[in-house]
N, C-alpha and C. Protein backbone atom coordinates (compact mmCIF):
# COMPACT_ATOMS: atom_id res chain seq x y z
N MET A 1 -27.44 -25.76 -85.40
CA MET A 1 -28.54 -25.06 -86.06
C MET A 1 -29.56 -26.08 -86.56
N VAL A 2 -30.81 -25.74 -86.39
CA VAL A 2 -31.93 -26.58 -86.82
C VAL A 2 -32.66 -25.84 -87.93
N LEU A 3 -32.85 -26.49 -89.04
CA LEU A 3 -33.57 -25.86 -90.15
C LEU A 3 -35.07 -26.08 -89.99
N ARG A 4 -35.81 -25.00 -90.15
CA ARG A 4 -37.27 -25.11 -90.07
C ARG A 4 -37.81 -26.08 -91.12
N SER A 5 -37.15 -26.12 -92.27
CA SER A 5 -37.59 -27.04 -93.32
C SER A 5 -37.46 -28.49 -92.85
N ASP A 6 -36.45 -28.79 -92.02
CA ASP A 6 -36.30 -30.15 -91.48
C ASP A 6 -37.41 -30.46 -90.48
N ILE A 7 -37.77 -29.46 -89.67
CA ILE A 7 -38.87 -29.64 -88.71
C ILE A 7 -40.16 -29.95 -89.46
N LEU A 8 -40.45 -29.17 -90.50
CA LEU A 8 -41.68 -29.40 -91.27
C LEU A 8 -41.65 -30.72 -92.01
N CYS A 9 -40.51 -31.07 -92.55
CA CYS A 9 -40.40 -32.36 -93.25
C CYS A 9 -40.71 -33.50 -92.29
N GLU A 10 -40.15 -33.42 -91.09
CA GLU A 10 -40.41 -34.48 -90.10
C GLU A 10 -41.87 -34.48 -89.67
N ALA A 11 -42.44 -33.30 -89.41
CA ALA A 11 -43.85 -33.24 -89.01
C ALA A 11 -44.74 -33.84 -90.10
N ARG A 12 -44.42 -33.59 -91.34
CA ARG A 12 -45.22 -34.14 -92.44
C ARG A 12 -45.08 -35.65 -92.54
N ARG A 13 -43.97 -36.20 -92.10
CA ARG A 13 -43.80 -37.66 -92.08
C ARG A 13 -44.81 -38.31 -91.14
N TRP A 14 -45.32 -37.56 -90.18
CA TRP A 14 -46.28 -38.07 -89.20
C TRP A 14 -47.72 -38.04 -89.72
N ILE A 15 -47.96 -37.36 -90.82
CA ILE A 15 -49.33 -37.27 -91.35
C ILE A 15 -49.86 -38.68 -91.61
N GLY A 16 -51.07 -38.92 -91.13
CA GLY A 16 -51.70 -40.24 -91.24
C GLY A 16 -51.53 -41.09 -89.99
N THR A 17 -50.64 -40.69 -89.08
CA THR A 17 -50.49 -41.42 -87.82
C THR A 17 -51.79 -41.31 -87.05
N PRO A 18 -52.38 -42.43 -86.60
CA PRO A 18 -53.66 -42.35 -85.90
C PRO A 18 -53.53 -41.64 -84.55
N TYR A 19 -54.64 -41.06 -84.12
CA TYR A 19 -54.67 -40.41 -82.80
C TYR A 19 -54.65 -41.48 -81.73
N ARG A 20 -53.73 -41.34 -80.78
CA ARG A 20 -53.67 -42.22 -79.61
C ARG A 20 -53.29 -41.35 -78.43
N HIS A 21 -54.16 -41.30 -77.44
CA HIS A 21 -53.90 -40.51 -76.24
C HIS A 21 -52.58 -40.94 -75.60
N GLN A 22 -51.72 -40.00 -75.31
CA GLN A 22 -50.40 -40.18 -74.72
C GLN A 22 -49.40 -40.88 -75.64
N GLY A 23 -49.76 -41.16 -76.86
CA GLY A 23 -48.84 -41.81 -77.79
C GLY A 23 -47.85 -40.83 -78.38
N SER A 24 -46.70 -41.33 -78.82
CA SER A 24 -45.72 -40.49 -79.52
C SER A 24 -44.87 -41.33 -80.46
N CYS A 25 -45.52 -42.23 -81.21
CA CYS A 25 -44.83 -43.14 -82.11
C CYS A 25 -45.37 -42.97 -83.53
N ARG A 26 -44.53 -42.45 -84.42
CA ARG A 26 -44.94 -42.22 -85.81
C ARG A 26 -45.45 -43.51 -86.42
N GLY A 27 -46.61 -43.44 -87.04
CA GLY A 27 -47.23 -44.60 -87.68
C GLY A 27 -48.11 -45.42 -86.76
N ALA A 28 -47.77 -45.46 -85.48
CA ALA A 28 -48.55 -46.28 -84.53
C ALA A 28 -49.60 -45.46 -83.80
N GLY A 29 -49.25 -44.23 -83.39
CA GLY A 29 -50.23 -43.38 -82.73
C GLY A 29 -49.60 -42.28 -81.91
N CYS A 30 -50.30 -41.14 -81.88
CA CYS A 30 -49.85 -40.01 -81.08
C CYS A 30 -51.02 -39.07 -80.82
N ASP A 31 -50.84 -38.26 -79.79
CA ASP A 31 -51.74 -37.13 -79.58
C ASP A 31 -50.95 -35.88 -79.96
N CYS A 32 -51.51 -34.70 -79.70
CA CYS A 32 -50.84 -33.47 -80.14
C CYS A 32 -49.48 -33.30 -79.46
N LEU A 33 -49.40 -33.60 -78.17
CA LEU A 33 -48.11 -33.51 -77.47
C LEU A 33 -47.15 -34.57 -78.01
N GLY A 34 -47.66 -35.76 -78.27
CA GLY A 34 -46.82 -36.82 -78.82
C GLY A 34 -46.24 -36.46 -80.17
N LEU A 35 -46.99 -35.73 -80.99
CA LEU A 35 -46.47 -35.27 -82.27
C LEU A 35 -45.28 -34.34 -82.04
N VAL A 36 -45.43 -33.37 -81.16
CA VAL A 36 -44.33 -32.44 -80.87
C VAL A 36 -43.14 -33.20 -80.30
N ARG A 37 -43.41 -34.13 -79.39
CA ARG A 37 -42.33 -34.93 -78.78
C ARG A 37 -41.60 -35.75 -79.84
N GLY A 38 -42.35 -36.37 -80.73
CA GLY A 38 -41.74 -37.20 -81.77
C GLY A 38 -40.90 -36.41 -82.74
N VAL A 39 -41.40 -35.25 -83.14
CA VAL A 39 -40.61 -34.40 -84.04
C VAL A 39 -39.37 -33.91 -83.31
N TRP A 40 -39.52 -33.54 -82.04
CA TRP A 40 -38.36 -33.11 -81.24
C TRP A 40 -37.29 -34.21 -81.22
N ARG A 41 -37.70 -35.46 -80.97
CA ARG A 41 -36.73 -36.57 -80.93
C ARG A 41 -36.02 -36.72 -82.26
N ALA A 42 -36.75 -36.59 -83.35
CA ALA A 42 -36.14 -36.74 -84.67
C ALA A 42 -35.13 -35.62 -84.95
N ILE A 43 -35.40 -34.43 -84.43
CA ILE A 43 -34.53 -33.28 -84.68
C ILE A 43 -33.39 -33.21 -83.67
N HIS A 44 -33.69 -33.43 -82.39
CA HIS A 44 -32.71 -33.24 -81.33
C HIS A 44 -32.15 -34.54 -80.73
N GLY A 45 -32.73 -35.67 -81.05
CA GLY A 45 -32.21 -36.94 -80.56
C GLY A 45 -32.90 -37.47 -79.32
N THR A 46 -33.05 -36.67 -78.30
CA THR A 46 -33.73 -37.09 -77.08
C THR A 46 -34.65 -35.99 -76.61
N GLU A 47 -35.62 -36.36 -75.81
CA GLU A 47 -36.54 -35.37 -75.26
C GLU A 47 -35.90 -34.69 -74.05
N PRO A 48 -36.20 -33.42 -73.82
CA PRO A 48 -35.60 -32.73 -72.68
C PRO A 48 -36.16 -33.20 -71.34
N GLU A 49 -37.39 -33.71 -71.35
CA GLU A 49 -37.99 -34.26 -70.13
C GLU A 49 -39.14 -35.16 -70.54
N ALA A 50 -39.45 -36.12 -69.70
CA ALA A 50 -40.60 -37.00 -69.95
C ALA A 50 -41.84 -36.33 -69.38
N PRO A 51 -42.92 -36.31 -70.14
CA PRO A 51 -44.15 -35.71 -69.60
C PRO A 51 -44.75 -36.61 -68.52
N PRO A 52 -45.40 -36.01 -67.56
CA PRO A 52 -46.09 -36.83 -66.56
C PRO A 52 -47.32 -37.47 -67.22
N PRO A 53 -47.85 -38.54 -66.65
CA PRO A 53 -49.10 -39.09 -67.18
C PRO A 53 -50.19 -38.01 -67.13
N TYR A 54 -51.05 -38.01 -68.12
CA TYR A 54 -52.12 -37.02 -68.15
C TYR A 54 -53.39 -37.66 -68.70
N SER A 55 -54.50 -37.21 -68.14
CA SER A 55 -55.80 -37.73 -68.58
C SER A 55 -56.30 -36.88 -69.76
N ARG A 56 -57.33 -37.35 -70.41
CA ARG A 56 -57.89 -36.59 -71.53
C ARG A 56 -58.44 -35.24 -71.09
N ASP A 57 -58.88 -35.15 -69.84
CA ASP A 57 -59.48 -33.90 -69.35
C ASP A 57 -58.53 -33.12 -68.44
N TRP A 58 -57.24 -33.38 -68.54
CA TRP A 58 -56.28 -32.80 -67.59
C TRP A 58 -56.38 -31.28 -67.50
N ALA A 59 -56.56 -30.59 -68.58
CA ALA A 59 -56.59 -29.12 -68.53
C ALA A 59 -57.88 -28.61 -67.90
N GLU A 60 -58.96 -29.38 -68.00
CA GLU A 60 -60.20 -28.96 -67.36
C GLU A 60 -60.16 -29.28 -65.87
N ALA A 61 -59.51 -30.38 -65.51
CA ALA A 61 -59.46 -30.81 -64.12
C ALA A 61 -58.41 -30.06 -63.32
N ASP A 62 -57.41 -29.51 -63.99
CA ASP A 62 -56.30 -28.86 -63.31
C ASP A 62 -56.01 -27.55 -64.04
N ALA A 63 -56.15 -26.44 -63.39
CA ALA A 63 -56.02 -25.14 -64.04
C ALA A 63 -54.56 -24.71 -64.26
N ARG A 64 -53.60 -25.55 -63.87
CA ARG A 64 -52.19 -25.18 -64.07
C ARG A 64 -51.83 -25.17 -65.55
N GLU A 65 -50.90 -24.32 -65.91
CA GLU A 65 -50.43 -24.20 -67.29
C GLU A 65 -49.26 -25.16 -67.54
N THR A 66 -49.52 -26.44 -67.42
CA THR A 66 -48.49 -27.46 -67.52
C THR A 66 -47.81 -27.46 -68.88
N LEU A 67 -48.58 -27.47 -69.94
CA LEU A 67 -48.03 -27.52 -71.29
C LEU A 67 -47.29 -26.22 -71.62
N LEU A 68 -47.87 -25.09 -71.29
CA LEU A 68 -47.23 -23.80 -71.55
C LEU A 68 -45.91 -23.68 -70.77
N ALA A 69 -45.92 -24.09 -69.52
CA ALA A 69 -44.70 -24.01 -68.70
C ALA A 69 -43.59 -24.89 -69.29
N ALA A 70 -43.94 -26.10 -69.74
CA ALA A 70 -42.94 -26.99 -70.34
C ALA A 70 -42.37 -26.38 -71.62
N ALA A 71 -43.24 -25.80 -72.44
CA ALA A 71 -42.76 -25.16 -73.66
C ALA A 71 -41.79 -24.03 -73.32
N ARG A 72 -42.10 -23.26 -72.32
CA ARG A 72 -41.21 -22.15 -71.92
C ARG A 72 -39.87 -22.64 -71.39
N ARG A 73 -39.85 -23.82 -70.80
CA ARG A 73 -38.58 -24.37 -70.30
C ARG A 73 -37.66 -24.81 -71.42
N HIS A 74 -38.23 -25.23 -72.56
CA HIS A 74 -37.40 -25.91 -73.56
C HIS A 74 -37.38 -25.27 -74.94
N MET A 75 -38.22 -24.29 -75.19
CA MET A 75 -38.27 -23.67 -76.51
C MET A 75 -38.19 -22.15 -76.38
N GLU A 76 -38.03 -21.50 -77.50
CA GLU A 76 -37.91 -20.05 -77.55
C GLU A 76 -39.27 -19.44 -77.90
N GLU A 77 -39.84 -18.70 -76.96
CA GLU A 77 -41.14 -18.07 -77.21
C GLU A 77 -40.96 -16.89 -78.15
N ARG A 78 -41.93 -16.71 -79.02
CA ARG A 78 -41.87 -15.58 -79.98
C ARG A 78 -43.26 -14.99 -80.13
N PRO A 79 -43.34 -13.73 -80.53
CA PRO A 79 -44.65 -13.11 -80.75
C PRO A 79 -45.39 -13.77 -81.92
N LEU A 80 -46.69 -13.80 -81.83
CA LEU A 80 -47.50 -14.38 -82.90
C LEU A 80 -47.19 -13.73 -84.25
N ALA A 81 -46.97 -12.43 -84.25
CA ALA A 81 -46.69 -11.72 -85.50
C ALA A 81 -45.39 -12.19 -86.16
N GLU A 82 -44.52 -12.85 -85.40
CA GLU A 82 -43.24 -13.33 -85.93
C GLU A 82 -43.23 -14.84 -86.16
N ALA A 83 -44.39 -15.48 -86.05
CA ALA A 83 -44.47 -16.93 -86.24
C ALA A 83 -44.03 -17.30 -87.65
N GLN A 84 -43.29 -18.40 -87.74
CA GLN A 84 -42.79 -18.89 -89.02
C GLN A 84 -43.12 -20.37 -89.17
N PRO A 85 -43.22 -20.85 -90.40
CA PRO A 85 -43.44 -22.28 -90.59
C PRO A 85 -42.38 -23.08 -89.82
N GLY A 86 -42.85 -24.12 -89.13
CA GLY A 86 -41.98 -24.93 -88.29
C GLY A 86 -42.09 -24.58 -86.83
N ASP A 87 -42.71 -23.45 -86.50
CA ASP A 87 -42.92 -23.08 -85.11
C ASP A 87 -44.04 -23.92 -84.51
N VAL A 88 -43.99 -24.08 -83.20
CA VAL A 88 -45.02 -24.79 -82.46
C VAL A 88 -46.07 -23.79 -82.00
N LEU A 89 -47.32 -24.08 -82.30
CA LEU A 89 -48.45 -23.26 -81.87
C LEU A 89 -49.12 -23.94 -80.69
N LEU A 90 -49.41 -23.18 -79.64
CA LEU A 90 -50.17 -23.71 -78.51
C LEU A 90 -51.52 -23.03 -78.48
N PHE A 91 -52.56 -23.80 -78.15
CA PHE A 91 -53.94 -23.31 -78.23
C PHE A 91 -54.67 -23.46 -76.90
N ARG A 92 -55.59 -22.53 -76.65
CA ARG A 92 -56.56 -22.63 -75.55
C ARG A 92 -57.93 -22.89 -76.19
N TRP A 93 -58.72 -23.76 -75.57
CA TRP A 93 -60.06 -24.01 -76.12
C TRP A 93 -60.99 -22.84 -75.85
N ARG A 94 -60.75 -22.11 -74.76
CA ARG A 94 -61.58 -20.93 -74.46
C ARG A 94 -60.76 -19.96 -73.62
N ASP A 95 -61.18 -18.71 -73.56
CA ASP A 95 -60.49 -17.70 -72.76
C ASP A 95 -60.42 -18.15 -71.30
N GLY A 96 -59.27 -17.97 -70.71
CA GLY A 96 -59.08 -18.30 -69.30
C GLY A 96 -58.76 -19.76 -69.03
N ALA A 97 -58.91 -20.61 -70.03
CA ALA A 97 -58.60 -22.04 -69.86
C ALA A 97 -57.11 -22.26 -70.09
N PRO A 98 -56.54 -23.29 -69.49
CA PRO A 98 -55.13 -23.58 -69.74
C PRO A 98 -54.90 -24.02 -71.19
N VAL A 99 -53.68 -23.86 -71.64
CA VAL A 99 -53.29 -24.35 -72.96
C VAL A 99 -53.47 -25.87 -72.97
N LYS A 100 -54.07 -26.38 -74.07
CA LYS A 100 -54.34 -27.82 -74.12
C LYS A 100 -54.05 -28.46 -75.47
N HIS A 101 -53.71 -27.72 -76.48
CA HIS A 101 -53.49 -28.30 -77.80
C HIS A 101 -52.23 -27.70 -78.41
N ALA A 102 -51.56 -28.50 -79.26
CA ALA A 102 -50.34 -28.06 -79.91
C ALA A 102 -50.30 -28.54 -81.35
N GLY A 103 -49.61 -27.81 -82.16
CA GLY A 103 -49.40 -28.19 -83.55
C GLY A 103 -48.26 -27.38 -84.13
N PHE A 104 -47.90 -27.69 -85.36
CA PHE A 104 -46.83 -26.98 -86.06
C PHE A 104 -47.42 -26.08 -87.13
N LEU A 105 -47.00 -24.83 -87.16
CA LEU A 105 -47.37 -23.95 -88.25
C LEU A 105 -46.68 -24.48 -89.50
N SER A 106 -47.45 -24.74 -90.56
CA SER A 106 -46.87 -25.37 -91.74
C SER A 106 -46.82 -24.47 -92.96
N SER A 107 -47.36 -23.27 -92.85
CA SER A 107 -47.25 -22.30 -93.94
C SER A 107 -47.25 -20.91 -93.32
N ASP A 108 -46.97 -19.94 -94.12
CA ASP A 108 -46.87 -18.56 -93.64
C ASP A 108 -48.19 -18.11 -93.01
N LEU A 109 -48.12 -17.68 -91.77
CA LEU A 109 -49.31 -17.24 -91.05
C LEU A 109 -49.97 -16.05 -91.75
N ALA A 110 -49.18 -15.21 -92.37
CA ALA A 110 -49.71 -14.03 -93.05
C ALA A 110 -50.15 -14.33 -94.48
N GLY A 111 -49.93 -15.57 -94.93
CA GLY A 111 -50.29 -15.93 -96.30
C GLY A 111 -51.78 -16.06 -96.49
N ALA A 112 -52.17 -16.34 -97.72
CA ALA A 112 -53.59 -16.44 -98.07
C ALA A 112 -54.25 -17.65 -97.41
N GLU A 113 -53.50 -18.74 -97.24
CA GLU A 113 -54.08 -19.96 -96.68
C GLU A 113 -53.15 -20.56 -95.64
N PRO A 114 -53.06 -19.96 -94.44
CA PRO A 114 -52.19 -20.55 -93.42
C PRO A 114 -52.69 -21.93 -93.02
N ALA A 115 -51.75 -22.78 -92.61
CA ALA A 115 -52.09 -24.15 -92.26
C ALA A 115 -51.24 -24.63 -91.09
N MET A 116 -51.68 -25.74 -90.49
CA MET A 116 -50.93 -26.34 -89.39
C MET A 116 -50.99 -27.85 -89.50
N ILE A 117 -50.02 -28.50 -88.87
CA ILE A 117 -49.98 -29.95 -88.76
C ILE A 117 -50.23 -30.27 -87.30
N HIS A 118 -51.24 -31.11 -87.04
CA HIS A 118 -51.57 -31.43 -85.66
C HIS A 118 -52.29 -32.77 -85.57
N ALA A 119 -52.29 -33.31 -84.36
CA ALA A 119 -53.03 -34.54 -84.07
C ALA A 119 -54.27 -34.13 -83.29
N TYR A 120 -55.40 -34.51 -83.77
CA TYR A 120 -56.66 -34.09 -83.17
C TYR A 120 -57.47 -35.33 -82.84
N GLU A 121 -58.02 -35.38 -81.64
CA GLU A 121 -58.75 -36.56 -81.19
C GLU A 121 -59.82 -36.97 -82.20
N GLY A 122 -59.84 -38.24 -82.50
CA GLY A 122 -60.81 -38.78 -83.45
C GLY A 122 -60.30 -38.80 -84.88
N LEU A 123 -59.16 -38.17 -85.12
CA LEU A 123 -58.58 -38.10 -86.47
C LEU A 123 -57.13 -38.54 -86.40
N SER A 124 -56.52 -38.65 -87.55
CA SER A 124 -55.09 -38.91 -87.60
C SER A 124 -54.36 -37.57 -87.68
N VAL A 125 -53.04 -37.61 -87.58
CA VAL A 125 -52.25 -36.39 -87.78
C VAL A 125 -52.57 -35.89 -89.18
N SER A 126 -52.86 -34.60 -89.28
CA SER A 126 -53.23 -34.04 -90.57
C SER A 126 -52.71 -32.61 -90.70
N GLU A 127 -52.66 -32.17 -91.93
CA GLU A 127 -52.34 -30.77 -92.21
C GLU A 127 -53.66 -30.09 -92.52
N SER A 128 -54.02 -29.12 -91.70
CA SER A 128 -55.34 -28.50 -91.77
C SER A 128 -55.23 -26.99 -91.96
N PRO A 129 -56.23 -26.40 -92.58
CA PRO A 129 -56.24 -24.94 -92.67
C PRO A 129 -56.28 -24.32 -91.26
N LEU A 130 -55.54 -23.27 -91.09
CA LEU A 130 -55.55 -22.53 -89.82
C LEU A 130 -56.63 -21.45 -89.95
N VAL A 131 -57.88 -21.90 -89.89
CA VAL A 131 -59.03 -21.03 -90.09
C VAL A 131 -59.17 -20.06 -88.91
N PRO A 132 -59.96 -19.01 -89.07
CA PRO A 132 -60.09 -18.02 -87.99
C PRO A 132 -60.46 -18.62 -86.64
N ALA A 133 -61.29 -19.65 -86.60
CA ALA A 133 -61.65 -20.26 -85.31
C ALA A 133 -60.42 -20.83 -84.61
N TRP A 134 -59.49 -21.40 -85.36
CA TRP A 134 -58.24 -21.88 -84.77
C TRP A 134 -57.32 -20.71 -84.42
N ARG A 135 -57.21 -19.75 -85.31
CA ARG A 135 -56.29 -18.61 -85.08
C ARG A 135 -56.65 -17.86 -83.81
N ARG A 136 -57.95 -17.73 -83.52
CA ARG A 136 -58.37 -17.03 -82.30
C ARG A 136 -57.93 -17.76 -81.04
N ARG A 137 -57.69 -19.04 -81.15
CA ARG A 137 -57.34 -19.85 -79.97
C ARG A 137 -55.83 -19.94 -79.72
N ILE A 138 -55.01 -19.38 -80.62
CA ILE A 138 -53.56 -19.44 -80.42
C ILE A 138 -53.20 -18.67 -79.16
N ALA A 139 -52.54 -19.35 -78.23
CA ALA A 139 -52.14 -18.75 -76.95
C ALA A 139 -50.67 -18.38 -76.93
N ALA A 140 -49.85 -19.12 -77.68
CA ALA A 140 -48.41 -18.87 -77.67
C ALA A 140 -47.77 -19.53 -78.89
N VAL A 141 -46.60 -19.02 -79.24
CA VAL A 141 -45.82 -19.53 -80.36
C VAL A 141 -44.40 -19.79 -79.86
N PHE A 142 -43.84 -20.94 -80.23
CA PHE A 142 -42.49 -21.31 -79.81
C PHE A 142 -41.70 -21.85 -80.97
N ALA A 143 -40.40 -21.63 -80.93
CA ALA A 143 -39.47 -22.21 -81.89
C ALA A 143 -38.61 -23.24 -81.18
N PHE A 144 -38.31 -24.33 -81.87
CA PHE A 144 -37.34 -25.28 -81.34
C PHE A 144 -36.02 -24.55 -81.12
N PRO A 145 -35.24 -24.95 -80.15
CA PRO A 145 -33.94 -24.30 -79.92
C PRO A 145 -33.08 -24.33 -81.19
N GLY A 146 -32.52 -23.20 -81.52
CA GLY A 146 -31.63 -23.11 -82.68
C GLY A 146 -32.32 -23.09 -84.01
N ALA A 147 -33.66 -23.03 -84.05
CA ALA A 147 -34.39 -23.08 -85.33
C ALA A 147 -34.10 -21.83 -86.16
N ARG A 148 -33.75 -22.06 -87.40
CA ARG A 148 -33.48 -20.96 -88.34
C ARG A 148 -34.15 -21.23 -89.65
């Protein structure tokens, strides 16, 4: 069993890690996928698969749902209405575009001030308000295996 509180505690340990494309090393650098990978390693020990190399524009250059498909292979998909702190949120930048961003829900989605932890290009890993502009872009919600 994996406690959601442990997932959030680990994700918060990454706050301040600088953005680094394809990185997944707490303190040294990560991108949004690297944040999820790093938290996964801390919780589960090893990653279920190594991601292929990817460019900054991979989702624009290739319409395949690479990130969404990988999430479906290794995590438990859940309806947005059932999202809980510690779940992984996947985002689309626009309708019809492939999923390209990921973060952790860090507070109750139905609460007054929902928030997420994510790595965003040009910034470090941060805990940010999940404002309506972000909420509209949520494409899928996943839980780590065994998360309770």
